[in-house]
Amino acid sequence: MNKIAVLIPCYNEELTIAKVISDFKNELPDAYIYVYDNNSSDNTSIIAQEHGAIVKKEYRQGKGNVVRSMFRDIDADIYIMIDGDDTYPAEFIQSLIDPVMNSEADMVLGDRHSNGTYKDENKRPLHNFGNNLVKMLINKLFNTNLKDIMSGYRVFNKRFVKTMPVTSNGFEIETEMTLHALDKKFLIQEIPIEYRDRPEGSFSKLNTISDGMRVLKTILWVFKDYKPLTFFTILSGVFLVLALLVGIPVIVEFMQTSKILKMPSAVLAVGLMIISIISLFSGFILDTVVKQHRENYELFLNRFR
């Protein structure tokens, strides 16, 4: 019989954690439910323990840090990751588990967007815009058509969990998991689910400004780390254009007068051209490094299997 672990990262979720635990106990009575308390200042841990969850502490703040500890600590065959804010209904869990159970997927995402409930329930339009921007970029780069890249409702098999290097500290962990699965060619499925906003009195830990900056950082990170040749070719092109804009007047002047009077512009143009060339060669070198890393990871997966 497969061991199923329900992993719930929590920070100040005393209003909702009891319902989340109870709902999953009803749906999966044989599952082990783990609540990882991330320095909550309320009664999240006490309530979780009273309702039968296995409570553990993670003192490094941030959801990424919590997921890293959960993946390292917990040994199971099927892993379910769910937020403790009661925004993801437990009644969809069997649909999410089945593809992993049947070896049809390594990771299954609970898709909040296909039926429109996330757009209707989520009252933060800037968050929707940021999510869509990152989703569009990733789908374009990896030639895929995922609907909900940042879903917090996921099911994994053991192979994925125990071979994923978690490097994120915060809420960008969902994006990192999706990118890892796409880049390393894990099987991904999406199952449409309903989404509901937090109940009254429960507050999101997200911040519009800081999370907007995080979205921009994620976009740059995706380019640089996963598609370095694309990233540095674009960067090289930008510096090439700047070099031409600064340098063409200097060349025209030299052709007309046989003199270079705009010496600072000439020096700047040469510097920009050098940066452009270095950026292009950096892209070629890093692209080779990334390909080598993928090959080494495939060999690692073979040993894991």
C-alpha atoms as a PDB file:
ATOM      1  CA  MET A   1       0.000   0.000   0.000  1.00  0.00           C
ATOM      2  CA  ASN A   2       1.331   3.419  -0.955  1.00  0.00           C
ATOM      3  CA  LYS A   3       2.177   5.785   1.869  1.00  0.00           C
ATOM      4  CA  ILE A   4       0.548   9.163   1.261  1.00  0.00           C
ATOM      5  CA  ALA A   5       1.874  12.289   2.974  1.00  0.00           C
ATOM      6  CA  VAL A   6      -0.110  15.526   3.061  1.00  0.00           C
ATOM      7  CA  LEU A   7       2.310  18.428   3.510  1.00  0.00           C
ATOM      8  CA  ILE A   8       0.881  21.712   4.807  1.00  0.00           C
ATOM      9  CA  PRO A   9       3.208  24.704   5.189  1.00  0.00           C
ATOM     10  CA  CYS A  10       1.651  27.154   7.655  1.00  0.00           C
ATOM     11  CA  TYR A  11       2.179  30.645   8.967  1.00  0.00           C
ATOM     12  CA  ASN A  12      -0.577  32.063  11.190  1.00  0.00           C
ATOM     13  CA  GLU A  13      -3.453  29.936   9.887  1.00  0.00           C
ATOM     14  CA  GLU A  14      -5.341  29.251  13.136  1.00  0.00           C
ATOM     15  CA  LEU A  15      -8.680  30.182  11.533  1.00  0.00           C
ATOM     16  CA  THR A  16      -8.472  27.611   8.744  1.00  0.00           C
ATOM     17  CA  ILE A  17      -5.995  24.861   9.603  1.00  0.00           C
ATOM     18  CA  ALA A  18      -8.508  22.723  11.519  1.00  0.00           C
ATOM     19  CA  LYS A  19     -10.853  22.590   8.509  1.00  0.00           C
ATOM     20  CA  VAL A  20      -8.017  21.799   6.085  1.00  0.00           C
ATOM     21  CA  ILE A  21      -6.846  18.882   8.254  1.00  0.00           C
ATOM     22  CA  SER A  22     -10.389  17.571   8.773  1.00  0.00           C
ATOM     23  CA  ASP A  23     -11.222  17.779   5.076  1.00  0.00           C
ATOM     24  CA  PHE A  24      -8.133  15.784   4.096  1.00  0.00           C
ATOM     25  CA  LYS A  25      -8.744  13.228   6.833  1.00  0.00           C
ATOM     26  CA  ASN A  26     -12.205  12.674   5.366  1.00  0.00           C
ATOM     27  CA  GLU A  27     -10.869  12.313   1.832  1.00  0.00           C
ATOM     28  CA  LEU A  28      -7.724  10.327   2.707  1.00  0.00           C
ATOM     29  CA  PRO A  29      -8.254   8.590   6.065  1.00  0.00           C
ATOM     30  CA  ASP A  30      -5.003   6.592   5.798  1.00  0.00           C
ATOM     31  CA  ALA A  31      -2.780   9.546   4.859  1.00  0.00           C
ATOM     32  CA  TYR A  32      -0.177  11.068   7.178  1.00  0.00           C
ATOM     33  CA  ILE A  33      -0.826  14.775   7.601  1.00  0.00           C
ATOM     34  CA  TYR A  34       2.165  16.979   8.387  1.00  0.00           C
ATOM     35  CA  VAL A  35       1.836  20.624   9.376  1.00  0.00           C
ATOM     36  CA  TYR A  36       5.059  22.616   9.215  1.00  0.00           C
ATOM     37  CA  ASP A  37       4.701  25.708  11.387  1.00  0.00           C
ATOM     38  CA  ASN A  38       6.861  28.546  10.061  1.00  0.00           C
ATOM     39  CA  ASN A  39       7.201  30.719  13.198  1.00  0.00           C
ATOM     40  CA  SER A  40       3.477  31.359  13.645  1.00  0.00           C
ATOM     41  CA  SER A  41       2.562  33.822  16.381  1.00  0.00           C
ATOM     42  CA  ASP A  42      -0.934  32.403  16.810  1.00  0.00           C
ATOM     43  CA  ASN A  43      -2.280  28.965  17.814  1.00  0.00           C
ATOM     44  CA  THR A  44      -1.712  27.232  14.461  1.00  0.00           C
ATOM     45  CA  SER A  45       0.500  24.481  15.939  1.00  0.00           C
ATOM     46  CA  ILE A  46      -1.782  23.778  18.905  1.00  0.00           C
ATOM     47  CA  ILE A  47      -4.903  23.534  16.758  1.00  0.00           C
ATOM     48  CA  ALA A  48      -3.157  21.344  14.174  1.00  0.00           C
ATOM     49  CA  GLN A  49      -1.952  18.953  16.848  1.00  0.00           C
ATOM     50  CA  GLU A  50      -5.394  18.801  18.463  1.00  0.00           C
ATOM     51  CA  HIS A  51      -6.852  17.753  15.106  1.00  0.00           C
ATOM     52  CA  GLY A  52      -4.417  14.888  14.626  1.00  0.00           C
ATOM     53  CA  ALA A  53      -1.713  16.360  12.415  1.00  0.00           C
ATOM     54  CA  ILE A  54       1.979  15.664  12.903  1.00  0.00           C
ATOM     55  CA  VAL A  55       3.370  19.115  13.699  1.00  0.00           C
ATOM     56  CA  LYS A  56       6.932  20.106  12.896  1.00  0.00           C
ATOM     57  CA  LYS A  57       8.735  23.445  13.135  1.00  0.00           C
ATOM     58  CA  GLU A  58      10.675  25.311  10.474  1.00  0.00           C
ATOM     59  CA  TYR A  59      12.504  28.304  11.942  1.00  0.00           C
ATOM     60  CA  ARG A  60      13.864  29.700   8.669  1.00  0.00           C
ATOM     61  CA  GLN A  61      11.162  32.072   7.451  1.00  0.00           C
ATOM     62  CA  GLY A  62       9.733  31.540   3.987  1.00  0.00           C
ATOM     63  CA  LYS A  63       7.667  28.936   2.151  1.00  0.00           C
ATOM     64  CA  GLY A  64      10.660  27.751   0.129  1.00  0.00           C
ATOM     65  CA  ASN A  65      12.525  26.941   3.328  1.00  0.00           C
ATOM     66  CA  VAL A  66       9.514  25.008   4.591  1.00  0.00           C
ATOM     67  CA  VAL A  67       9.218  22.969   1.380  1.00  0.00           C
ATOM     68  CA  ARG A  68      12.940  22.191   1.472  1.00  0.00           C
ATOM     69  CA  SER A  69      12.608  20.711   4.962  1.00  0.00           C
ATOM     70  CA  MET A  70       9.422  18.815   4.104  1.00  0.00           C
ATOM     71  CA  PHE A  71      10.989  17.210   1.051  1.00  0.00           C
ATOM     72  CA  ARG A  72      14.094  16.231   3.013  1.00  0.00           C
ATOM     73  CA  ASP A  73      12.368  14.980   6.146  1.00  0.00           C
ATOM     74  CA  ILE A  74       9.297  13.087   4.971  1.00  0.00           C
ATOM     75  CA  ASP A  75       9.520   9.655   3.376  1.00  0.00           C
ATOM     76  CA  ALA A  76       6.447   8.605   1.392  1.00  0.00           C
ATOM     77  CA  ASP A  77       5.331   7.259  -1.980  1.00  0.00           C
ATOM     78  CA  ILE A  78       2.842  10.021  -2.812  1.00  0.00           C
ATOM     79  CA  TYR A  79       3.258  13.615  -1.629  1.00  0.00           C
ATOM     80  CA  ILE A  80       0.456  16.173  -1.523  1.00  0.00           C
ATOM     81  CA  MET A  81       1.309  19.829  -0.990  1.00  0.00           C
ATOM     82  CA  ILE A  82      -1.537  22.098   0.045  1.00  0.00           C
ATOM     83  CA  ASP A  83      -1.768  25.535   1.621  1.00  0.00           C
ATOM     84  CA  GLY A  84      -3.238  25.873   5.092  1.00  0.00           C
ATOM     85  CA  ASP A  85      -5.571  28.752   4.192  1.00  0.00           C
ATOM     86  CA  ASP A  86      -8.503  26.611   2.971  1.00  0.00           C
ATOM     87  CA  THR A  87      -8.473  28.073  -0.531  1.00  0.00           C
ATOM     88  CA  TYR A  88      -8.039  24.669  -2.229  1.00  0.00           C
ATOM     89  CA  PRO A  89     -10.929  22.179  -1.771  1.00  0.00           C
ATOM     90  CA  ALA A  90      -9.883  18.729  -0.572  1.00  0.00           C
ATOM     91  CA  GLU A  91     -12.621  16.999  -2.550  1.00  0.00           C
ATOM     92  CA  PHE A  92     -10.522  17.263  -5.727  1.00  0.00           C
ATOM     93  CA  ILE A  93      -7.602  15.360  -4.268  1.00  0.00           C
ATOM     94  CA  GLN A  94      -8.454  11.929  -5.670  1.00  0.00           C
ATOM     95  CA  SER A  95      -8.470  13.353  -9.199  1.00  0.00           C
ATOM     96  CA  LEU A  96      -5.021  14.831  -8.576  1.00  0.00           C
ATOM     97  CA  ILE A  97      -3.610  11.645  -7.052  1.00  0.00           C
ATOM     98  CA  ASP A  98      -4.760   9.231  -9.763  1.00  0.00           C
ATOM     99  CA  PRO A  99      -2.262  10.268 -12.505  1.00  0.00           C
ATOM    100  CA  VAL A 100       0.647   9.905 -10.065  1.00  0.00           C
ATOM    101  CA  MET A 101      -0.667   6.592  -8.764  1.00  0.00           C
ATOM    102  CA  ASN A 102      -0.957   5.300 -12.341  1.00  0.00           C
ATOM    103  CA  SER A 103       2.552   6.530 -13.267  1.00  0.00           C
ATOM    104  CA  GLU A 104       1.048   8.929 -15.798  1.00  0.00           C
ATOM    105  CA  ALA A 105       2.600  11.989 -14.134  1.00  0.00           C
ATOM    106  CA  ASP A 106       5.453  12.900 -11.819  1.00  0.00           C
ATOM    107  CA  MET A 107       3.727  16.099 -10.753  1.00  0.00           C
ATOM    108  CA  VAL A 108       0.059  17.076 -10.938  1.00  0.00           C
ATOM    109  CA  LEU A 109      -1.061  20.688 -10.597  1.00  0.00           C
ATOM    110  CA  GLY A 110      -4.434  21.817  -9.313  1.00  0.00           C
ATOM    111  CA  ASP A 111      -5.441  24.220 -12.081  1.00  0.00           C
ATOM    112  CA  ARG A 112      -7.340  27.220 -10.649  1.00  0.00           C
ATOM    113  CA  HIS A 113      -7.683  29.114 -13.912  1.00  0.00           C
ATOM    114  CA  SER A 114      -9.442  26.883 -16.439  1.00  0.00           C
ATOM    115  CA  ASN A 115     -12.883  27.180 -14.840  1.00  0.00           C
ATOM    116  CA  GLY A 116     -12.478  30.872 -13.954  1.00  0.00           C
ATOM    117  CA  THR A 117     -12.853  30.534 -10.192  1.00  0.00           C
ATOM    118  CA  TYR A 118      -9.471  32.064  -9.401  1.00  0.00           C
ATOM    119  CA  LYS A 119     -10.282  35.183 -11.428  1.00  0.00           C
ATOM    120  CA  ASP A 120     -13.679  35.463  -9.748  1.00  0.00           C
ATOM    121  CA  GLU A 121     -12.508  34.812  -6.194  1.00  0.00           C
ATOM    122  CA  ASN A 122      -9.107  36.514  -6.116  1.00  0.00           C
ATOM    123  CA  LYS A 123      -9.540  40.213  -5.322  1.00  0.00           C
ATOM    124  CA  ARG A 124      -5.923  41.162  -6.149  1.00  0.00           C
ATOM    125  CA  PRO A 125      -5.774  42.140  -9.866  1.00  0.00           C
ATOM    126  CA  LEU A 126      -2.039  42.942  -9.793  1.00  0.00           C
ATOM    127  CA  HIS A 127      -1.335  39.405  -8.569  1.00  0.00           C
ATOM    128  CA  ASN A 128      -3.356  38.025 -11.478  1.00  0.00           C
ATOM    129  CA  PHE A 129      -1.379  40.205 -13.883  1.00  0.00           C
ATOM    130  CA  GLY A 130       1.962  39.053 -12.425  1.00  0.00           C
ATOM    131  CA  ASN A 131       0.927  35.401 -12.525  1.00  0.00           C
ATOM    132  CA  ASN A 132      -0.154  35.690 -16.152  1.00  0.00           C
ATOM    133  CA  LEU A 133       3.070  37.454 -17.123  1.00  0.00           C
ATOM    134  CA  VAL A 134       5.282  34.730 -15.650  1.00  0.00           C
ATOM    135  CA  LYS A 135       3.027  32.014 -17.090  1.00  0.00           C
ATOM    136  CA  MET A 136       3.237  33.511 -20.580  1.00  0.00           C
ATOM    137  CA  LEU A 137       7.027  33.730 -20.392  1.00  0.00           C
ATOM    138  CA  ILE A 138       7.529  30.160 -19.181  1.00  0.00           C
ATOM    139  CA  ASN A 139       5.083  28.699 -21.702  1.00  0.00           C
ATOM    140  CA  LYS A 140       6.859  30.570 -24.485  1.00  0.00           C
ATOM    141  CA  LEU A 141      10.348  29.508 -23.415  1.00  0.00           C
ATOM    142  CA  PHE A 142       9.489  25.846 -22.877  1.00  0.00           C
ATOM    143  CA  ASN A 143       6.943  25.537 -25.714  1.00  0.00           C
ATOM    144  CA  THR A 144       4.214  24.319 -23.392  1.00  0.00           C
ATOM    145  CA  ASN A 145       0.682  25.384 -22.470  1.00  0.00           C
ATOM    146  CA  LEU A 146       0.385  25.189 -18.709  1.00  0.00           C
ATOM    147  CA  LYS A 147      -2.564  27.045 -17.210  1.00  0.00           C
ATOM    148  CA  ASP A 148      -1.524  27.411 -13.555  1.00  0.00           C
ATOM    149  CA  ILE A 149       2.227  27.545 -13.066  1.00  0.00           C
ATOM    150  CA  MET A 150       1.992  28.998  -9.529  1.00  0.00           C
ATOM    151  CA  SER A 151      -0.624  26.662  -8.057  1.00  0.00           C
ATOM    152  CA  GLY A 152      -0.046  25.730  -4.419  1.00  0.00           C
ATOM    153  CA  TYR A 153      -2.093  22.516  -4.746  1.00  0.00           C
ATOM    154  CA  ARG A 154       0.211  19.784  -6.063  1.00  0.00           C
ATOM    155  CA  VAL A 155       0.808  16.048  -5.979  1.00  0.00           C
ATOM    156  CA  PHE A 156       4.257  14.510  -6.546  1.00  0.00           C
ATOM    157  CA  ASN A 157       5.799  11.076  -6.688  1.00  0.00           C
ATOM    158  CA  LYS A 158       8.817  10.161  -4.587  1.00  0.00           C
ATOM    159  CA  ARG A 159      11.228  10.371  -7.515  1.00  0.00           C
ATOM    160  CA  PHE A 160      10.414  14.044  -8.081  1.00  0.00           C
ATOM    161  CA  VAL A 161      10.508  15.042  -4.406  1.00  0.00           C
ATOM    162  CA  LYS A 162      13.785  13.330  -3.557  1.00  0.00           C
ATOM    163  CA  THR A 163      15.652  14.549  -6.625  1.00  0.00           C
ATOM    164  CA  MET A 164      14.603  18.193  -6.662  1.00  0.00           C
ATOM    165  CA  PRO A 165      17.151  20.705  -5.321  1.00  0.00           C
ATOM    166  CA  VAL A 166      15.066  23.394  -3.612  1.00  0.00           C
ATOM    167  CA  THR A 167      16.890  26.727  -3.795  1.00  0.00           C
ATOM    168  CA  SER A 168      14.056  29.225  -3.272  1.00  0.00           C
ATOM    169  CA  ASN A 169      13.375  30.727   0.132  1.00  0.00           C
ATOM    170  CA  GLY A 170       9.945  32.285  -0.380  1.00  0.00           C
ATOM    171  CA  PHE A 171       6.741  32.033  -2.392  1.00  0.00           C
ATOM    172  CA  GLU A 172       8.603  31.629  -5.682  1.00  0.00           C
ATOM    173  CA  ILE A 173       8.964  27.940  -4.760  1.00  0.00           C
ATOM    174  CA  GLU A 174       5.929  27.004  -6.900  1.00  0.00           C
ATOM    175  CA  THR A 175       7.516  28.576  -9.964  1.00  0.00           C
ATOM    176  CA  GLU A 176      10.787  26.808  -9.205  1.00  0.00           C
ATOM    177  CA  MET A 177       9.081  23.411  -9.008  1.00  0.00           C
ATOM    178  CA  THR A 178       7.301  23.961 -12.320  1.00  0.00           C
ATOM    179  CA  LEU A 179      10.508  25.107 -14.019  1.00  0.00           C
ATOM    180  CA  HIS A 180      12.425  22.144 -12.640  1.00  0.00           C
ATOM    181  CA  ALA A 181       9.801  19.726 -13.948  1.00  0.00           C
ATOM    182  CA  LEU A 182       9.777  21.331 -17.403  1.00  0.00           C
ATOM    183  CA  ASP A 183      13.543  21.648 -17.698  1.00  0.00           C
ATOM    184  CA  LYS A 184      14.219  18.080 -16.541  1.00  0.00           C
ATOM    185  CA  LYS A 185      11.361  16.636 -18.627  1.00  0.00           C
ATOM    186  CA  PHE A 186       9.252  15.258 -15.786  1.00  0.00           C
ATOM    187  CA  LEU A 187       5.690  14.324 -16.694  1.00  0.00           C
ATOM    188  CA  ILE A 188       3.244  17.090 -15.727  1.00  0.00           C
ATOM    189  CA  GLN A 189      -0.535  17.042 -15.709  1.00  0.00           C
ATOM    190  CA  GLU A 190      -3.031  19.718 -14.746  1.00  0.00           C
ATOM    191  CA  ILE A 191      -6.425  18.925 -13.254  1.00  0.00           C
ATOM    192  CA  PRO A 192      -9.017  21.743 -13.116  1.00  0.00           C
ATOM    193  CA  ILE A 193     -10.135  22.540  -9.579  1.00  0.00           C
ATOM    194  CA  GLU A 194     -12.276  25.161  -7.915  1.00  0.00           C
ATOM    195  CA  TYR A 195     -10.633  27.946  -5.951  1.00  0.00           C
ATOM    196  CA  ARG A 196     -12.113  29.939  -3.096  1.00  0.00           C
ATOM    197  CA  ASP A 197     -10.790  33.087  -1.512  1.00  0.00           C
ATOM    198  CA  ARG A 198      -9.712  33.163   2.122  1.00  0.00           C
ATOM    199  CA  PRO A 199     -12.518  33.278   4.682  1.00  0.00           C
ATOM    200  CA  GLU A 200     -13.214  36.556   6.461  1.00  0.00           C
ATOM    201  CA  GLY A 201     -10.608  37.267   9.124  1.00  0.00           C
ATOM    202  CA  SER A 202      -7.867  35.318   7.351  1.00  0.00           C
ATOM    203  CA  PHE A 203      -5.194  37.425   5.679  1.00  0.00           C
ATOM    204  CA  SER A 204      -2.831  36.688   2.799  1.00  0.00           C
ATOM    205  CA  LYS A 205       0.902  36.786   3.481  1.00  0.00           C
ATOM    206  CA  LEU A 206       1.518  38.185  -0.007  1.00  0.00           C
ATOM    207  CA  ASN A 207       2.439  41.820  -0.588  1.00  0.00           C
ATOM    208  CA  THR A 208       1.627  43.552  -3.866  1.00  0.00           C
ATOM    209  CA  ILE A 209       4.824  45.621  -4.103  1.00  0.00           C
ATOM    210  CA  SER A 210       7.320  43.036  -2.865  1.00  0.00           C
ATOM    211  CA  ASP A 211       5.652  40.285  -4.866  1.00  0.00           C
ATOM    212  CA  GLY A 212       5.673  42.494  -7.955  1.00  0.00           C
ATOM    213  CA  MET A 213       9.422  42.841  -7.545  1.00  0.00           C
ATOM    214  CA  ARG A 214       9.619  39.094  -7.042  1.00  0.00           C
ATOM    215  CA  VAL A 215       7.793  38.552 -10.342  1.00  0.00           C
ATOM    216  CA  LEU A 216      10.342  40.713 -12.168  1.00  0.00           C
ATOM    217  CA  LYS A 217      13.161  38.873 -10.425  1.00  0.00           C
ATOM    218  CA  THR A 218      11.603  35.545 -11.424  1.00  0.00           C
ATOM    219  CA  ILE A 219      11.426  36.592 -15.079  1.00  0.00           C
ATOM    220  CA  LEU A 220      15.137  37.486 -15.117  1.00  0.00           C
ATOM    221  CA  TRP A 221      15.979  34.315 -13.188  1.00  0.00           C
ATOM    222  CA  VAL A 222      14.077  32.107 -15.643  1.00  0.00           C
ATOM    223  CA  PHE A 223      15.931  33.609 -18.585  1.00  0.00           C
ATOM    224  CA  LYS A 224      19.372  33.572 -17.013  1.00  0.00           C
ATOM    225  CA  ASP A 225      19.341  30.145 -15.371  1.00  0.00           C
ATOM    226  CA  TYR A 226      17.244  28.081 -17.790  1.00  0.00           C
ATOM    227  CA  LYS A 227      17.806  29.794 -21.149  1.00  0.00           C
ATOM    228  CA  PRO A 228      21.199  31.513 -20.818  1.00  0.00           C
ATOM    229  CA  LEU A 229      21.846  31.660 -24.565  1.00  0.00           C
ATOM    230  CA  THR A 230      18.551  33.504 -25.115  1.00  0.00           C
ATOM    231  CA  PHE A 231      19.155  35.813 -22.158  1.00  0.00           C
ATOM    232  CA  PHE A 232      22.703  36.794 -23.032  1.00  0.00           C
ATOM    233  CA  THR A 233      21.969  37.066 -26.770  1.00  0.00           C
ATOM    234  CA  ILE A 234      19.253  39.612 -25.993  1.00  0.00           C
ATOM    235  CA  LEU A 235      21.616  41.385 -23.590  1.00  0.00           C
ATOM    236  CA  SER A 236      24.331  41.378 -26.249  1.00  0.00           C
ATOM    237  CA  GLY A 237      21.899  42.838 -28.765  1.00  0.00           C
ATOM    238  CA  VAL A 238      20.941  45.659 -26.400  1.00  0.00           C
ATOM    239  CA  PHE A 239      24.581  46.642 -25.856  1.00  0.00           C
ATOM    240  CA  LEU A 240      25.260  46.335 -29.606  1.00  0.00           C
ATOM    241  CA  VAL A 241      22.445  48.776 -30.376  1.00  0.00           C
ATOM    242  CA  LEU A 242      23.726  51.202 -27.722  1.00  0.00           C
ATOM    243  CA  ALA A 243      27.268  50.910 -29.124  1.00  0.00           C
ATOM    244  CA  LEU A 244      26.005  51.715 -32.626  1.00  0.00           C
ATOM    245  CA  LEU A 245      23.931  54.658 -31.425  1.00  0.00           C
ATOM    246  CA  VAL A 246      26.972  56.131 -29.680  1.00  0.00           C
ATOM    247  CA  GLY A 247      29.574  55.062 -32.228  1.00  0.00           C
ATOM    248  CA  ILE A 248      27.981  55.876 -35.610  1.00  0.00           C
ATOM    249  CA  PRO A 249      28.247  59.677 -35.134  1.00  0.00           C
ATOM    250  CA  VAL A 250      31.926  59.187 -34.251  1.00  0.00           C
ATOM    251  CA  ILE A 251      32.509  57.131 -37.419  1.00  0.00           C
ATOM    252  CA  VAL A 252      30.634  59.657 -39.570  1.00  0.00           C
ATOM    253  CA  GLU A 253      32.701  62.470 -38.066  1.00  0.00           C
ATOM    254  CA  PHE A 254      35.946  60.599 -38.747  1.00  0.00           C
ATOM    255  CA  MET A 255      34.976  59.914 -42.356  1.00  0.00           C
ATOM    256  CA  GLN A 256      34.203  63.604 -42.885  1.00  0.00           C
ATOM    257  CA  THR A 257      37.156  65.187 -41.040  1.00  0.00           C
ATOM    258  CA  SER A 258      39.688  62.345 -40.611  1.00  0.00           C
ATOM    259  CA  LYS A 259      39.656  63.251 -36.932  1.00  0.00           C
ATOM    260  CA  ILE A 260      38.007  61.919 -33.799  1.00  0.00           C
ATOM    261  CA  LEU A 261      36.875  64.902 -31.777  1.00  0.00           C
ATOM    262  CA  LYS A 262      34.269  63.062 -29.693  1.00  0.00           C
ATOM    263  CA  MET A 263      36.792  60.959 -27.811  1.00  0.00           C
ATOM    264  CA  PRO A 264      34.521  60.150 -24.805  1.00  0.00           C
ATOM    265  CA  SER A 265      31.841  58.866 -27.204  1.00  0.00           C
ATOM    266  CA  ALA A 266      34.409  56.773 -29.033  1.00  0.00           C
ATOM    267  CA  VAL A 267      35.652  55.216 -25.792  1.00  0.00           C
ATOM    268  CA  LEU A 268      32.079  54.564 -24.640  1.00  0.00           C
ATOM    269  CA  ALA A 269      31.161  52.954 -27.968  1.00  0.00           C
ATOM    270  CA  VAL A 270      34.171  50.637 -27.818  1.00  0.00           C
ATOM    271  CA  GLY A 271      33.329  49.713 -24.218  1.00  0.00           C
ATOM    272  CA  LEU A 272      29.711  48.926 -25.100  1.00  0.00           C
ATOM    273  CA  MET A 273      30.840  46.813 -28.056  1.00  0.00           C
ATOM    274  CA  ILE A 274      33.215  44.838 -25.844  1.00  0.00           C
ATOM    275  CA  ILE A 275      30.407  44.216 -23.329  1.00  0.00           C
ATOM    276  CA  SER A 276      28.184  43.051 -26.196  1.00  0.00           C
ATOM    277  CA  ILE A 277      30.801  40.546 -27.392  1.00  0.00           C
ATOM    278  CA  ILE A 278      31.478  39.299 -23.847  1.00  0.00           C
ATOM    279  CA  SER A 279      27.730  38.844 -23.234  1.00  0.00           C
ATOM    280  CA  LEU A 280      27.346  36.799 -26.409  1.00  0.00           C
ATOM    281  CA  PHE A 281      30.236  34.483 -25.579  1.00  0.00           C
ATOM    282  CA  SER A 282      28.983  34.193 -21.974  1.00  0.00           C
ATOM    283  CA  GLY A 283      25.690  32.927 -23.398  1.00  0.00           C
ATOM    284  CA  PHE A 284      27.447  30.247 -25.458  1.00  0.00           C
ATOM    285  CA  ILE A 285      29.563  29.115 -22.494  1.00  0.00           C
ATOM    286  CA  LEU A 286      26.682  29.033 -19.999  1.00  0.00           C
ATOM    287  CA  ASP A 287      24.428  27.241 -22.482  1.00  0.00           C
ATOM    288  CA  THR A 288      27.046  24.474 -22.671  1.00  0.00           C
ATOM    289  CA  VAL A 289      27.208  24.370 -18.858  1.00  0.00           C
ATOM    290  CA  VAL A 290      23.404  24.070 -18.603  1.00  0.00           C
ATOM    291  CA  LYS A 291      23.354  21.235 -21.157  1.00  0.00           C
ATOM    292  CA  GLN A 292      26.073  19.421 -19.225  1.00  0.00           C
ATOM    293  CA  HIS A 293      24.085  19.876 -16.016  1.00  0.00           C
ATOM    294  CA  ARG A 294      21.012  18.335 -17.659  1.00  0.00           C
ATOM    295  CA  GLU A 295      23.046  15.346 -18.802  1.00  0.00           C
ATOM    296  CA  ASN A 296      24.491  14.864 -15.303  1.00  0.00           C
ATOM    297  CA  TYR A 297      21.007  15.103 -13.818  1.00  0.00           C
ATOM    298  CA  GLU A 298      19.734  12.393 -16.166  1.00  0.00           C
ATOM    299  CA  LEU A 299      22.541  10.102 -15.003  1.00  0.00           C
ATOM    300  CA  PHE A 300      21.656  10.942 -11.402  1.00  0.00           C
ATOM    301  CA  LEU A 301      18.016   9.991 -12.053  1.00  0.00           C
ATOM    302  CA  ASN A 302      19.149   6.664 -13.496  1.00  0.00           C
ATOM    303  CA  ARG A 303      21.055   5.930 -10.298  1.00  0.00           C
ATOM    304  CA  PHE A 304      18.062   7.000  -8.196  1.00  0.00           C
ATOM    305  CA  ARG A 305      15.761   4.677 -10.084  1.00  0.00           C
END
